[in-house]
N, C-alpha and C. Protein backbone atom coordinates (compact mmCIF):
# COMPACT_ATOMS: atom_id res chain seq x y z
N MET A 1 -19.48 1.77 7.24
CA MET A 1 -19.95 1.69 5.86
C MET A 1 -19.88 0.26 5.37
N ASP A 2 -20.90 -0.17 4.65
CA ASP A 2 -20.90 -1.49 4.04
C ASP A 2 -19.72 -1.62 3.08
N THR A 3 -19.09 -2.79 3.06
CA THR A 3 -17.92 -3.01 2.22
C THR A 3 -18.22 -2.75 0.75
N LEU A 4 -19.36 -3.22 0.27
CA LEU A 4 -19.70 -3.02 -1.14
C LEU A 4 -19.88 -1.54 -1.45
N ASP A 5 -20.46 -0.79 -0.51
CA ASP A 5 -20.60 0.65 -0.71
C ASP A 5 -19.23 1.33 -0.74
N ALA A 6 -18.32 0.89 0.12
CA ALA A 6 -16.97 1.47 0.13
C ALA A 6 -16.28 1.24 -1.20
N ILE A 7 -16.46 0.06 -1.78
CA ILE A 7 -15.86 -0.24 -3.08
C ILE A 7 -16.45 0.67 -4.15
N ARG A 8 -17.76 0.84 -4.12
CA ARG A 8 -18.43 1.67 -5.15
C ARG A 8 -18.09 3.15 -4.99
N GLN A 9 -17.91 3.60 -3.77
CA GLN A 9 -17.72 5.04 -3.53
C GLN A 9 -16.25 5.47 -3.53
N ARG A 10 -15.31 4.53 -3.39
CA ARG A 10 -13.91 4.91 -3.37
C ARG A 10 -13.48 5.51 -4.69
N ARG A 11 -12.84 6.66 -4.63
CA ARG A 11 -12.31 7.32 -5.81
C ARG A 11 -10.91 7.85 -5.50
N ALA A 12 -10.15 8.10 -6.54
CA ALA A 12 -8.82 8.70 -6.38
C ALA A 12 -9.01 10.22 -6.26
N VAL A 13 -8.93 10.72 -5.04
CA VAL A 13 -9.20 12.12 -4.74
C VAL A 13 -7.89 12.91 -4.74
N LYS A 14 -7.90 14.06 -5.40
CA LYS A 14 -6.68 14.88 -5.53
C LYS A 14 -6.68 16.10 -4.62
N HIS A 15 -7.85 16.54 -4.15
CA HIS A 15 -7.96 17.80 -3.39
C HIS A 15 -8.36 17.52 -1.95
N TYR A 16 -7.51 17.94 -1.01
CA TYR A 16 -7.72 17.63 0.41
C TYR A 16 -7.71 18.89 1.27
N ASP A 17 -8.40 18.79 2.39
CA ASP A 17 -8.41 19.86 3.38
C ASP A 17 -7.08 19.81 4.15
N PRO A 18 -6.20 20.80 3.96
CA PRO A 18 -4.90 20.76 4.62
C PRO A 18 -4.98 20.97 6.13
N ASN A 19 -6.14 21.40 6.62
CA ASN A 19 -6.30 21.61 8.05
C ASN A 19 -6.87 20.40 8.78
N HIS A 20 -7.30 19.40 8.03
CA HIS A 20 -7.83 18.20 8.67
C HIS A 20 -6.69 17.32 9.16
N GLU A 21 -6.81 16.87 10.39
CA GLU A 21 -5.77 16.00 10.96
C GLU A 21 -6.39 14.67 11.36
N MET A 22 -5.61 13.63 11.19
CA MET A 22 -6.00 12.31 11.68
C MET A 22 -5.29 12.07 13.00
N SER A 23 -6.00 11.45 13.93
CA SER A 23 -5.38 11.14 15.21
C SER A 23 -4.40 9.99 15.06
N ASP A 24 -3.51 9.85 16.02
CA ASP A 24 -2.58 8.72 16.01
C ASP A 24 -3.35 7.40 16.04
N GLU A 25 -4.48 7.40 16.74
CA GLU A 25 -5.30 6.19 16.81
C GLU A 25 -5.86 5.82 15.45
N GLN A 26 -6.32 6.81 14.69
CA GLN A 26 -6.83 6.55 13.35
C GLN A 26 -5.73 6.04 12.43
N ILE A 27 -4.56 6.65 12.54
CA ILE A 27 -3.44 6.22 11.70
C ILE A 27 -3.06 4.77 12.02
N LYS A 28 -2.98 4.47 13.31
CA LYS A 28 -2.62 3.10 13.70
C LYS A 28 -3.70 2.11 13.28
N GLU A 29 -4.96 2.53 13.37
CA GLU A 29 -6.04 1.63 12.95
C GLU A 29 -5.94 1.32 11.47
N LEU A 30 -5.68 2.34 10.66
CA LEU A 30 -5.57 2.14 9.22
C LEU A 30 -4.42 1.20 8.88
N ILE A 31 -3.27 1.40 9.51
CA ILE A 31 -2.12 0.53 9.25
C ILE A 31 -2.40 -0.88 9.78
N SER A 32 -3.05 -0.97 10.95
CA SER A 32 -3.38 -2.29 11.51
C SER A 32 -4.30 -3.07 10.59
N LEU A 33 -5.25 -2.39 9.97
CA LEU A 33 -6.14 -3.05 9.01
C LEU A 33 -5.37 -3.49 7.77
N ALA A 34 -4.45 -2.65 7.31
CA ALA A 34 -3.62 -3.03 6.15
C ALA A 34 -2.80 -4.26 6.46
N MET A 35 -2.39 -4.41 7.72
CA MET A 35 -1.57 -5.55 8.11
C MET A 35 -2.35 -6.87 8.12
N LEU A 36 -3.64 -6.79 7.96
CA LEU A 36 -4.46 -8.01 7.84
C LEU A 36 -4.53 -8.50 6.40
N SER A 37 -3.93 -7.75 5.49
CA SER A 37 -3.93 -8.14 4.07
C SER A 37 -3.09 -9.40 3.88
N PRO A 38 -3.47 -10.23 2.92
CA PRO A 38 -2.69 -11.46 2.70
C PRO A 38 -1.37 -11.20 2.01
N THR A 39 -0.40 -12.07 2.33
CA THR A 39 0.88 -12.08 1.62
C THR A 39 1.26 -13.54 1.37
N ALA A 40 1.99 -13.78 0.30
CA ALA A 40 2.44 -15.14 0.01
C ALA A 40 3.30 -15.65 1.17
N PHE A 41 3.03 -16.86 1.59
CA PHE A 41 3.75 -17.49 2.69
C PHE A 41 3.67 -16.69 4.00
N ASN A 42 2.75 -15.75 4.06
CA ASN A 42 2.56 -14.92 5.25
C ASN A 42 3.83 -14.15 5.65
N ILE A 43 4.65 -13.77 4.66
CA ILE A 43 5.91 -13.13 5.02
C ILE A 43 5.78 -11.63 5.32
N GLN A 44 4.61 -11.05 5.03
CA GLN A 44 4.31 -9.69 5.50
C GLN A 44 5.43 -8.70 5.18
N HIS A 45 5.85 -8.68 3.94
CA HIS A 45 7.02 -7.85 3.60
C HIS A 45 6.71 -6.39 3.37
N TRP A 46 5.43 -5.98 3.48
CA TRP A 46 5.15 -4.55 3.34
C TRP A 46 5.72 -3.78 4.51
N ARG A 47 6.14 -2.55 4.20
CA ARG A 47 6.60 -1.60 5.22
C ARG A 47 5.93 -0.28 4.90
N PHE A 48 5.25 0.31 5.89
CA PHE A 48 4.45 1.50 5.67
C PHE A 48 5.18 2.72 6.23
N ALA A 49 5.78 3.51 5.37
CA ALA A 49 6.49 4.72 5.80
C ALA A 49 5.47 5.86 5.86
N VAL A 50 5.04 6.19 7.08
CA VAL A 50 4.06 7.27 7.29
C VAL A 50 4.84 8.57 7.46
N ILE A 51 4.63 9.49 6.54
CA ILE A 51 5.41 10.74 6.52
C ILE A 51 4.62 11.83 7.24
N LYS A 52 5.11 12.23 8.42
CA LYS A 52 4.41 13.23 9.23
C LYS A 52 5.08 14.61 9.15
N ASP A 53 6.39 14.64 9.06
CA ASP A 53 7.12 15.90 9.08
C ASP A 53 6.76 16.77 7.88
N LYS A 54 6.39 18.03 8.13
CA LYS A 54 5.93 18.91 7.04
C LYS A 54 7.03 19.21 6.03
N ALA A 55 8.25 19.39 6.51
CA ALA A 55 9.36 19.66 5.59
C ALA A 55 9.63 18.43 4.72
N GLN A 56 9.52 17.26 5.31
CA GLN A 56 9.70 16.02 4.55
C GLN A 56 8.60 15.87 3.50
N ARG A 57 7.39 16.21 3.88
CA ARG A 57 6.28 16.17 2.92
C ARG A 57 6.54 17.11 1.75
N GLN A 58 7.00 18.32 2.05
CA GLN A 58 7.27 19.30 1.00
C GLN A 58 8.39 18.81 0.08
N ALA A 59 9.42 18.18 0.67
CA ALA A 59 10.51 17.65 -0.14
C ALA A 59 10.02 16.56 -1.08
N ILE A 60 9.10 15.73 -0.59
CA ILE A 60 8.53 14.69 -1.45
C ILE A 60 7.66 15.32 -2.53
N ARG A 61 6.87 16.33 -2.15
CA ARG A 61 6.04 17.02 -3.16
C ARG A 61 6.91 17.61 -4.28
N ASP A 62 8.08 18.10 -3.90
CA ASP A 62 8.97 18.70 -4.90
C ASP A 62 9.43 17.69 -5.95
N VAL A 63 9.46 16.39 -5.59
CA VAL A 63 9.87 15.37 -6.56
C VAL A 63 8.66 14.53 -7.01
N ALA A 64 7.47 15.09 -6.77
CA ALA A 64 6.22 14.42 -7.19
C ALA A 64 5.39 15.36 -8.06
N TRP A 65 6.07 16.09 -8.93
CA TRP A 65 5.43 16.99 -9.88
C TRP A 65 4.58 18.05 -9.19
N GLY A 66 4.92 18.36 -7.94
CA GLY A 66 4.20 19.40 -7.22
C GLY A 66 2.77 19.05 -6.86
N GLN A 67 2.44 17.77 -6.85
CA GLN A 67 1.06 17.36 -6.58
C GLN A 67 0.66 17.74 -5.15
N ALA A 68 -0.45 18.49 -5.05
CA ALA A 68 -0.87 19.08 -3.78
C ALA A 68 -1.23 18.05 -2.72
N GLN A 69 -1.73 16.89 -3.14
CA GLN A 69 -2.18 15.91 -2.14
C GLN A 69 -1.03 15.40 -1.27
N VAL A 70 0.20 15.53 -1.76
CA VAL A 70 1.36 15.07 -0.98
C VAL A 70 1.46 15.85 0.33
N THR A 71 1.22 17.16 0.27
CA THR A 71 1.32 17.99 1.48
C THR A 71 -0.03 18.24 2.12
N ASP A 72 -1.11 18.25 1.34
CA ASP A 72 -2.42 18.66 1.87
C ASP A 72 -3.19 17.53 2.52
N ALA A 73 -2.96 16.30 2.13
CA ALA A 73 -3.68 15.17 2.72
C ALA A 73 -3.29 15.02 4.19
N SER A 74 -4.19 14.45 4.96
CA SER A 74 -3.93 14.26 6.39
C SER A 74 -2.83 13.24 6.64
N MET A 75 -2.68 12.30 5.73
CA MET A 75 -1.72 11.21 5.91
C MET A 75 -1.09 10.89 4.57
N LEU A 76 0.22 10.71 4.58
CA LEU A 76 0.92 10.26 3.38
C LEU A 76 1.69 8.99 3.73
N ILE A 77 1.42 7.94 2.97
CA ILE A 77 2.08 6.66 3.19
C ILE A 77 2.93 6.33 1.97
N VAL A 78 4.21 6.09 2.20
CA VAL A 78 5.06 5.55 1.13
C VAL A 78 5.04 4.05 1.33
N MET A 79 4.43 3.36 0.38
CA MET A 79 4.30 1.90 0.47
C MET A 79 5.61 1.27 0.02
N CYS A 80 6.27 0.61 0.94
CA CYS A 80 7.55 -0.02 0.67
C CYS A 80 7.45 -1.51 0.96
N ALA A 81 8.46 -2.24 0.56
CA ALA A 81 8.51 -3.67 0.88
C ALA A 81 9.95 -4.11 1.03
N ASP A 82 10.13 -5.04 1.94
CA ASP A 82 11.44 -5.66 2.18
C ASP A 82 11.54 -6.88 1.26
N MET A 83 12.33 -6.77 0.22
CA MET A 83 12.44 -7.87 -0.74
C MET A 83 13.15 -9.09 -0.17
N GLN A 84 13.83 -8.92 0.96
CA GLN A 84 14.54 -10.03 1.59
C GLN A 84 13.82 -10.54 2.84
N ALA A 85 12.60 -10.12 3.05
CA ALA A 85 11.86 -10.56 4.24
C ALA A 85 11.74 -12.08 4.30
N TRP A 86 11.67 -12.70 3.13
CA TRP A 86 11.56 -14.16 3.07
C TRP A 86 12.75 -14.86 3.72
N ASN A 87 13.89 -14.14 3.77
CA ASN A 87 15.14 -14.73 4.25
C ASN A 87 15.53 -14.25 5.65
N LYS A 88 14.63 -13.54 6.30
CA LYS A 88 14.91 -12.98 7.63
C LYS A 88 14.03 -13.67 8.66
N SER A 89 14.57 -14.71 9.27
CA SER A 89 13.85 -15.49 10.29
C SER A 89 12.47 -15.92 9.81
N PRO A 90 12.39 -16.66 8.70
CA PRO A 90 11.08 -17.04 8.15
C PRO A 90 10.24 -17.88 9.11
N GLU A 91 10.88 -18.49 10.09
CA GLU A 91 10.11 -19.28 11.05
C GLU A 91 9.14 -18.41 11.86
N ASN A 92 9.43 -17.10 11.96
CA ASN A 92 8.55 -16.21 12.72
C ASN A 92 7.17 -16.06 12.07
N TYR A 93 7.10 -16.26 10.77
CA TYR A 93 5.83 -16.07 10.07
C TYR A 93 4.85 -17.20 10.33
N TRP A 94 5.35 -18.31 10.87
CA TRP A 94 4.49 -19.47 11.10
C TRP A 94 4.59 -20.00 12.53
N VAL A 95 5.05 -19.14 13.45
CA VAL A 95 5.32 -19.57 14.81
C VAL A 95 4.07 -20.09 15.54
N LYS A 96 2.88 -19.61 15.15
CA LYS A 96 1.65 -20.03 15.82
C LYS A 96 0.95 -21.20 15.11
N ALA A 97 1.51 -21.63 14.02
CA ALA A 97 0.91 -22.73 13.27
C ALA A 97 1.28 -24.07 13.91
N PRO A 98 0.49 -25.11 13.67
CA PRO A 98 0.88 -26.43 14.17
C PRO A 98 2.25 -26.82 13.63
N GLN A 99 2.99 -27.60 14.41
CA GLN A 99 4.35 -27.96 14.05
C GLN A 99 4.43 -28.61 12.68
N GLU A 100 3.45 -29.47 12.35
CA GLU A 100 3.50 -30.14 11.06
C GLU A 100 3.35 -29.16 9.90
N VAL A 101 2.63 -28.06 10.14
CA VAL A 101 2.50 -27.02 9.12
C VAL A 101 3.82 -26.24 9.00
N GLN A 102 4.40 -25.91 10.14
CA GLN A 102 5.69 -25.22 10.13
C GLN A 102 6.75 -26.04 9.38
N ASP A 103 6.74 -27.33 9.60
CA ASP A 103 7.75 -28.20 8.99
C ASP A 103 7.65 -28.23 7.47
N ILE A 104 6.47 -27.94 6.94
CA ILE A 104 6.28 -27.91 5.49
C ILE A 104 6.54 -26.51 4.92
N LEU A 105 5.93 -25.50 5.54
CA LEU A 105 5.93 -24.17 4.93
C LEU A 105 7.21 -23.38 5.13
N VAL A 106 7.85 -23.50 6.26
CA VAL A 106 9.07 -22.71 6.46
C VAL A 106 10.16 -23.10 5.45
N PRO A 107 10.44 -24.38 5.22
CA PRO A 107 11.42 -24.72 4.17
C PRO A 107 10.93 -24.33 2.77
N ALA A 108 9.62 -24.35 2.58
CA ALA A 108 9.07 -24.00 1.25
C ALA A 108 9.35 -22.55 0.90
N ILE A 109 9.39 -21.67 1.90
CA ILE A 109 9.70 -20.27 1.67
C ILE A 109 11.08 -20.14 1.02
N THR A 110 12.05 -20.79 1.60
CA THR A 110 13.41 -20.74 1.07
C THR A 110 13.47 -21.27 -0.36
N GLY A 111 12.81 -22.39 -0.59
CA GLY A 111 12.81 -22.99 -1.92
C GLY A 111 12.16 -22.11 -2.97
N TYR A 112 11.14 -21.38 -2.57
CA TYR A 112 10.39 -20.56 -3.52
C TYR A 112 11.15 -19.30 -3.94
N TYR A 113 11.90 -18.70 -3.00
CA TYR A 113 12.51 -17.39 -3.28
C TYR A 113 14.01 -17.41 -3.57
N THR A 114 14.72 -18.42 -3.14
CA THR A 114 16.18 -18.43 -3.28
C THR A 114 16.60 -18.29 -4.75
N ASP A 115 17.53 -17.34 -4.99
CA ASP A 115 18.09 -17.11 -6.33
C ASP A 115 17.03 -16.72 -7.36
N LYS A 116 15.94 -16.09 -6.91
CA LYS A 116 14.87 -15.66 -7.82
C LYS A 116 14.54 -14.19 -7.56
N PRO A 117 15.44 -13.27 -7.94
CA PRO A 117 15.21 -11.85 -7.65
C PRO A 117 13.94 -11.29 -8.28
N GLN A 118 13.57 -11.80 -9.46
CA GLN A 118 12.34 -11.30 -10.09
C GLN A 118 11.11 -11.73 -9.29
N VAL A 119 11.12 -12.95 -8.79
CA VAL A 119 10.02 -13.43 -7.96
C VAL A 119 9.96 -12.62 -6.66
N GLN A 120 11.12 -12.36 -6.07
CA GLN A 120 11.17 -11.58 -4.84
C GLN A 120 10.55 -10.20 -5.05
N ARG A 121 10.90 -9.56 -6.16
CA ARG A 121 10.37 -8.22 -6.44
C ARG A 121 8.89 -8.28 -6.80
N ASP A 122 8.53 -9.20 -7.68
CA ASP A 122 7.12 -9.29 -8.10
C ASP A 122 6.20 -9.53 -6.92
N GLU A 123 6.65 -10.34 -5.97
CA GLU A 123 5.81 -10.63 -4.82
C GLU A 123 5.56 -9.39 -3.98
N THR A 124 6.56 -8.50 -3.89
CA THR A 124 6.35 -7.26 -3.14
C THR A 124 5.28 -6.40 -3.80
N LEU A 125 5.27 -6.37 -5.13
CA LEU A 125 4.28 -5.56 -5.84
C LEU A 125 2.87 -6.09 -5.61
N ARG A 126 2.73 -7.41 -5.67
CA ARG A 126 1.41 -8.00 -5.42
C ARG A 126 0.95 -7.70 -4.00
N SER A 127 1.83 -7.94 -3.05
CA SER A 127 1.45 -7.76 -1.64
C SER A 127 1.12 -6.31 -1.31
N CYS A 128 1.94 -5.39 -1.80
CA CYS A 128 1.67 -3.98 -1.52
C CYS A 128 0.42 -3.50 -2.23
N GLY A 129 0.13 -4.05 -3.41
CA GLY A 129 -1.09 -3.69 -4.11
C GLY A 129 -2.32 -4.10 -3.32
N ILE A 130 -2.28 -5.29 -2.75
CA ILE A 130 -3.40 -5.77 -1.94
C ILE A 130 -3.55 -4.90 -0.69
N ALA A 131 -2.42 -4.62 -0.02
CA ALA A 131 -2.47 -3.79 1.19
C ALA A 131 -2.94 -2.38 0.88
N ALA A 132 -2.53 -1.85 -0.27
CA ALA A 132 -2.96 -0.50 -0.66
C ALA A 132 -4.47 -0.45 -0.84
N GLN A 133 -5.03 -1.46 -1.48
CA GLN A 133 -6.48 -1.47 -1.65
C GLN A 133 -7.19 -1.58 -0.30
N THR A 134 -6.61 -2.36 0.61
CA THR A 134 -7.18 -2.46 1.96
C THR A 134 -7.19 -1.09 2.62
N ILE A 135 -6.08 -0.35 2.51
CA ILE A 135 -5.99 0.99 3.09
C ILE A 135 -7.06 1.90 2.50
N MET A 136 -7.20 1.89 1.19
CA MET A 136 -8.13 2.80 0.55
C MET A 136 -9.59 2.48 0.89
N LEU A 137 -9.92 1.20 0.96
CA LEU A 137 -11.29 0.83 1.32
C LEU A 137 -11.56 1.10 2.80
N ALA A 138 -10.57 0.82 3.65
CA ALA A 138 -10.73 1.11 5.07
C ALA A 138 -10.87 2.62 5.30
N ALA A 139 -10.08 3.41 4.58
CA ALA A 139 -10.18 4.86 4.70
C ALA A 139 -11.59 5.32 4.34
N LYS A 140 -12.12 4.79 3.24
CA LYS A 140 -13.48 5.17 2.83
C LYS A 140 -14.49 4.79 3.90
N ALA A 141 -14.33 3.61 4.47
CA ALA A 141 -15.24 3.17 5.53
C ALA A 141 -15.13 4.05 6.77
N MET A 142 -13.98 4.69 6.97
CA MET A 142 -13.76 5.58 8.10
C MET A 142 -14.19 7.02 7.79
N GLY A 143 -14.80 7.23 6.62
CA GLY A 143 -15.25 8.56 6.24
C GLY A 143 -14.17 9.42 5.64
N LEU A 144 -13.09 8.80 5.17
CA LEU A 144 -11.97 9.52 4.57
C LEU A 144 -11.86 9.18 3.09
N ASP A 145 -11.00 9.92 2.40
CA ASP A 145 -10.76 9.67 0.99
C ASP A 145 -9.28 9.36 0.79
N SER A 146 -8.95 8.92 -0.41
CA SER A 146 -7.57 8.49 -0.65
C SER A 146 -7.20 8.64 -2.12
N CYS A 147 -5.90 8.50 -2.37
CA CYS A 147 -5.40 8.56 -3.74
C CYS A 147 -4.13 7.74 -3.85
N PRO A 148 -4.14 6.67 -4.66
CA PRO A 148 -2.89 5.94 -4.91
C PRO A 148 -2.04 6.75 -5.87
N MET A 149 -0.73 6.72 -5.68
CA MET A 149 0.15 7.56 -6.48
C MET A 149 1.39 6.80 -6.94
N ASP A 150 1.71 6.97 -8.22
CA ASP A 150 3.02 6.54 -8.71
C ASP A 150 3.68 7.66 -9.50
N GLY A 151 3.11 8.86 -9.46
CA GLY A 151 3.65 10.00 -10.17
C GLY A 151 4.67 10.74 -9.32
N PHE A 152 5.85 10.14 -9.15
CA PHE A 152 6.91 10.76 -8.38
C PHE A 152 8.23 10.10 -8.76
N ASP A 153 9.31 10.73 -8.39
CA ASP A 153 10.65 10.20 -8.64
C ASP A 153 10.96 9.18 -7.55
N PHE A 154 10.87 7.90 -7.88
CA PHE A 154 11.05 6.83 -6.90
C PHE A 154 12.43 6.89 -6.24
N ASP A 155 13.46 7.13 -7.04
CA ASP A 155 14.81 7.17 -6.49
C ASP A 155 14.98 8.34 -5.52
N ALA A 156 14.40 9.49 -5.87
CA ALA A 156 14.52 10.67 -5.00
C ALA A 156 13.78 10.44 -3.68
N VAL A 157 12.59 9.85 -3.75
CA VAL A 157 11.85 9.58 -2.52
C VAL A 157 12.59 8.54 -1.68
N ALA A 158 13.17 7.55 -2.33
CA ALA A 158 13.95 6.55 -1.60
C ALA A 158 15.07 7.21 -0.80
N LYS A 159 15.75 8.18 -1.40
CA LYS A 159 16.81 8.89 -0.68
C LYS A 159 16.25 9.71 0.47
N LEU A 160 15.11 10.35 0.23
CA LEU A 160 14.51 11.20 1.27
C LEU A 160 14.08 10.41 2.50
N ILE A 161 13.64 9.18 2.29
CA ILE A 161 13.19 8.38 3.44
C ILE A 161 14.26 7.39 3.92
N ASN A 162 15.45 7.49 3.32
CA ASN A 162 16.56 6.61 3.71
C ASN A 162 16.18 5.13 3.55
N LEU A 163 15.63 4.81 2.39
CA LEU A 163 15.17 3.45 2.12
C LEU A 163 16.33 2.47 2.15
N PRO A 164 16.21 1.37 2.94
CA PRO A 164 17.28 0.37 2.93
C PRO A 164 17.47 -0.23 1.54
N GLU A 165 18.69 -0.69 1.26
CA GLU A 165 19.03 -1.18 -0.07
C GLU A 165 18.21 -2.40 -0.47
N ASP A 166 17.79 -3.20 0.49
CA ASP A 166 17.03 -4.41 0.14
C ASP A 166 15.52 -4.18 0.15
N HIS A 167 15.12 -2.90 0.18
CA HIS A 167 13.70 -2.54 0.12
C HIS A 167 13.39 -1.90 -1.23
N VAL A 168 12.12 -1.83 -1.54
CA VAL A 168 11.65 -1.19 -2.77
C VAL A 168 10.41 -0.37 -2.44
N ILE A 169 10.25 0.76 -3.12
CA ILE A 169 9.02 1.55 -3.02
C ILE A 169 8.07 1.06 -4.11
N THR A 170 6.82 0.83 -3.75
CA THR A 170 5.85 0.37 -4.75
C THR A 170 4.88 1.46 -5.18
N MET A 171 4.52 2.36 -4.26
CA MET A 171 3.61 3.47 -4.57
C MET A 171 3.50 4.34 -3.34
N MET A 172 2.74 5.41 -3.43
CA MET A 172 2.36 6.21 -2.26
C MET A 172 0.84 6.25 -2.21
N ILE A 173 0.32 6.52 -1.01
CA ILE A 173 -1.12 6.72 -0.83
C ILE A 173 -1.33 7.95 0.02
N ALA A 174 -2.15 8.87 -0.48
CA ALA A 174 -2.58 10.04 0.29
C ALA A 174 -3.95 9.71 0.88
N VAL A 175 -4.16 10.10 2.14
CA VAL A 175 -5.44 9.86 2.83
C VAL A 175 -5.84 11.14 3.54
N GLY A 176 -7.12 11.50 3.42
CA GLY A 176 -7.59 12.69 4.13
C GLY A 176 -9.03 13.01 3.80
N LYS A 177 -9.40 14.28 4.04
CA LYS A 177 -10.76 14.76 3.80
C LYS A 177 -10.80 15.53 2.48
N ALA A 178 -11.62 15.06 1.57
CA ALA A 178 -11.73 15.70 0.27
C ALA A 178 -12.36 17.09 0.39
N THR A 179 -11.92 18.01 -0.45
CA THR A 179 -12.54 19.34 -0.52
C THR A 179 -13.37 19.50 -1.79
N LYS A 180 -13.21 18.57 -2.72
CA LYS A 180 -14.01 18.59 -3.96
C LYS A 180 -14.55 17.20 -4.21
N GLN A 181 -15.78 17.14 -4.68
CA GLN A 181 -16.34 15.85 -5.07
C GLN A 181 -15.70 15.42 -6.39
N PRO A 182 -15.33 14.18 -6.50
CA PRO A 182 -14.77 13.72 -7.77
C PRO A 182 -15.83 13.73 -8.86
N TRP A 183 -15.38 13.93 -10.09
CA TRP A 183 -16.33 13.88 -11.20
C TRP A 183 -16.81 12.46 -11.41
N GLU A 184 -17.80 12.33 -12.27
CA GLU A 184 -18.31 11.00 -12.60
C GLU A 184 -17.16 10.15 -13.16
N ARG A 185 -17.22 8.86 -12.90
CA ARG A 185 -16.17 7.99 -13.43
C ARG A 185 -16.03 8.24 -14.93
N PRO A 186 -14.81 8.49 -15.39
CA PRO A 186 -14.63 9.04 -16.73
C PRO A 186 -14.81 8.09 -17.90
N GLY A 187 -14.84 6.79 -17.69
CA GLY A 187 -14.98 5.90 -18.84
C GLY A 187 -14.75 4.45 -18.48
N GLN A 188 -15.67 3.87 -17.74
CA GLN A 188 -15.54 2.48 -17.36
C GLN A 188 -15.83 1.58 -18.57
N LEU A 189 -14.96 0.62 -18.79
CA LEU A 189 -15.17 -0.34 -19.87
C LEU A 189 -16.33 -1.26 -19.51
N PRO A 190 -17.06 -1.74 -20.51
CA PRO A 190 -18.13 -2.71 -20.22
C PRO A 190 -17.54 -4.03 -19.76
N ILE A 191 -18.29 -4.75 -18.94
CA ILE A 191 -17.79 -6.00 -18.38
C ILE A 191 -17.42 -6.99 -19.48
N GLU A 192 -18.10 -6.92 -20.61
CA GLU A 192 -17.80 -7.84 -21.72
C GLU A 192 -16.39 -7.63 -22.27
N ASP A 193 -15.84 -6.43 -22.07
CA ASP A 193 -14.49 -6.15 -22.57
C ASP A 193 -13.39 -6.63 -21.63
N VAL A 194 -13.75 -6.89 -20.38
CA VAL A 194 -12.70 -7.19 -19.41
C VAL A 194 -12.83 -8.56 -18.76
N MET A 195 -13.97 -9.21 -18.89
CA MET A 195 -14.14 -10.52 -18.29
C MET A 195 -14.06 -11.60 -19.37
N VAL A 196 -13.15 -12.53 -19.17
CA VAL A 196 -12.97 -13.65 -20.10
C VAL A 196 -13.35 -14.94 -19.36
N VAL A 197 -14.13 -15.76 -19.99
CA VAL A 197 -14.54 -17.03 -19.38
C VAL A 197 -13.75 -18.18 -20.02
N ASP A 198 -12.99 -18.83 -19.21
CA ASP A 198 -12.22 -20.02 -19.59
C ASP A 198 -11.01 -19.74 -20.47
N LYS A 199 -11.19 -19.09 -21.61
CA LYS A 199 -10.06 -18.83 -22.52
C LYS A 199 -10.26 -17.49 -23.22
N PHE A 200 -9.13 -16.88 -23.60
CA PHE A 200 -9.21 -15.70 -24.46
C PHE A 200 -9.59 -16.12 -25.86
């Protein structure tokens, strides 16, 4: 599918065929494409918790207002991020770069994040947001549908997936085969209301 068509056709789908399965190859392809998403300083702090176990899915649904897509979608991804990735062997993120680039950027990582917990957290949200959009557009291009989700108890899901203390959950994404066509977009604002040129 053309990228522009995928952008136009992507919708947040709530109703999925519970009998549709994605192959391991499809799942790996989707995550591999998400891993091409940009991150600040190339630190790649996203972590994709793919929930396959049916009992685990049901437990998550129980703390997600009973939303059916949690169990019915072919794939459920809990989008997480390691907030301390910047401090875990940062030289690995630039190992293939020319030495002169490594000499500049690796120390810059430490300078940018040290003693800045808000920056560390904010960066995870930006990076996971970009990766999430990549997943949703790639899914559409693969003939699948998706739904970004933040309607769940973050703390409860963190316990269910044994989230490490230095990680954060940013959202979930359901991916699968839709059983209902989404309605017309309910109320897009005109471009004049959302685009500002030069100054507000």
